[in-house]
Amino acid sequence: LGSQSRSLVYNMSSTGILKEHQGNGYYNLLLASVVDVIKKEGFAAIMSIHSATNNKVIAAKLKFGFYISGTEIQSMYGLGVTLVYYLNEEQRRLHEVRVGSR
């Protein structure tokens, strides 16, 4: 499901919902569970990288409260979009001030 990338950052990866179960709210339940567990473990943020064309996942995560924190060109996968979810309200507020989000 993911791994620790920096001391306080959890990298969420390799998650998905089977096609026949998509559109039923299961991804939001998964996100809520991951956020709950990772927050209890003491992490400050959750990051993930997605193909720029993976609109379903990017839209779901943005709606859930993730922010776009950057883009990256990967030789194997093409353009990637980096998302971050802050588990600390102060970090979330500072991101909004610095970046002009929301």
Protein backbone atom coordinates (compact mmCIF):
# COMPACT_ATOMS: atom_id res chain seq x y z
CA LEU A 1 0.00 0.00 0.00
CA GLY A 2 2.91 2.37 0.59
CA SER A 3 6.14 3.16 2.42
CA GLN A 4 7.90 5.80 4.49
CA SER A 5 9.88 8.13 2.25
CA ARG A 6 11.14 10.74 4.70
CA SER A 7 10.99 10.87 8.46
CA LEU A 8 7.43 12.22 8.57
CA VAL A 9 6.14 11.54 5.05
CA TYR A 10 4.25 8.42 3.98
CA ASN A 11 4.31 7.53 0.27
CA MET A 12 0.95 6.06 -0.75
CA SER A 13 1.34 3.75 -3.76
CA SER A 14 -0.16 0.79 -5.56
CA THR A 15 -3.73 1.24 -4.42
CA GLY A 16 -6.79 0.63 -6.48
CA ILE A 17 -10.35 -0.59 -6.63
CA LEU A 18 -11.44 -3.37 -8.99
CA LYS A 19 -13.30 -1.97 -11.99
CA GLU A 20 -16.58 -3.67 -11.06
CA HIS A 21 -16.51 -1.95 -7.66
CA GLN A 22 -15.51 1.54 -8.83
CA GLY A 23 -17.99 4.37 -8.36
CA ASN A 24 -19.38 2.99 -5.10
CA GLY A 25 -17.36 5.09 -2.66
CA TYR A 26 -14.83 2.39 -1.80
CA TYR A 27 -11.83 4.55 -2.73
CA ASN A 28 -12.98 7.26 -0.31
CA LEU A 29 -13.32 4.61 2.41
CA LEU A 30 -9.82 3.39 1.60
CA LEU A 31 -8.43 6.94 1.74
CA ALA A 32 -10.14 7.63 5.07
CA SER A 33 -8.71 4.40 6.53
CA VAL A 34 -5.19 5.14 5.27
CA VAL A 35 -5.33 8.70 6.63
CA ASP A 36 -6.53 7.45 10.02
CA VAL A 37 -3.80 4.81 10.36
CA ILE A 38 -1.00 7.03 9.05
CA LYS A 39 -2.02 9.92 11.33
CA LYS A 40 -1.99 7.58 14.37
CA GLU A 41 1.51 6.45 13.35
CA GLY A 42 2.71 10.06 13.71
CA PHE A 43 3.29 11.02 10.09
CA ALA A 44 2.85 14.66 9.03
CA ALA A 45 1.85 14.11 5.40
CA ILE A 46 0.88 11.55 2.78
CA MET A 47 2.30 11.89 -0.74
CA SER A 48 1.47 10.08 -3.95
CA ILE A 49 2.48 10.33 -7.61
CA HIS A 50 0.07 9.61 -10.45
CA SER A 51 0.10 9.63 -14.21
CA ALA A 52 -1.24 13.00 -15.34
CA THR A 53 -3.93 11.14 -17.29
CA ASN A 54 -5.22 9.21 -14.24
CA ASN A 55 -8.11 11.63 -13.82
CA LYS A 56 -10.31 9.37 -11.68
CA VAL A 57 -7.74 8.99 -8.90
CA ILE A 58 -6.46 12.56 -9.08
CA ALA A 59 -10.01 13.97 -8.92
CA ALA A 60 -10.96 11.65 -6.04
CA LYS A 61 -7.90 12.63 -4.03
CA LEU A 62 -8.35 16.36 -4.69
CA LYS A 63 -11.98 16.09 -3.60
CA PHE A 64 -10.85 14.23 -0.46
CA GLY A 65 -8.47 17.06 0.46
CA PHE A 66 -5.15 16.29 -1.24
CA TYR A 67 -3.30 19.17 -2.93
CA ILE A 68 -1.23 19.20 -6.10
CA SER A 69 2.32 19.80 -4.93
CA GLY A 70 4.19 19.39 -8.18
CA THR A 71 4.77 17.59 -11.44
CA GLU A 72 7.57 15.34 -12.55
CA ILE A 73 8.63 13.80 -15.83
CA GLN A 74 9.53 10.14 -15.42
CA SER A 75 11.30 8.38 -18.27
CA MET A 76 9.30 5.16 -17.73
CA TYR A 77 5.86 6.67 -17.10
CA GLY A 78 5.76 10.16 -18.60
CA LEU A 79 4.28 13.16 -16.82
CA GLY A 80 3.44 12.54 -13.17
CA VAL A 81 1.39 14.65 -10.77
CA THR A 82 2.50 14.71 -7.13
CA LEU A 83 -0.25 15.03 -4.53
CA VAL A 84 0.08 15.72 -0.81
CA TYR A 85 -2.36 15.38 2.08
CA TYR A 86 -1.36 17.24 5.23
CA LEU A 87 -2.27 15.58 8.51
CA ASN A 88 -1.59 18.80 10.41
CA GLU A 89 -4.02 21.71 10.04
CA GLU A 90 -1.23 24.30 10.36
CA GLN A 91 0.69 22.74 7.44
CA ARG A 92 -2.53 22.66 5.42
CA ARG A 93 -3.17 26.34 6.15
CA LEU A 94 0.41 27.30 5.28
CA HIS A 95 0.18 25.44 1.97
CA GLU A 96 -3.00 27.36 1.12
CA VAL A 97 -1.33 30.69 1.95
CA ARG A 98 1.88 29.95 0.04
CA VAL A 99 0.32 28.36 -3.01
CA GLY A 100 -3.06 30.10 -3.11
CA SER A 101 -4.98 26.82 -3.00
CA ARG A 102 -8.71 26.70 -2.29
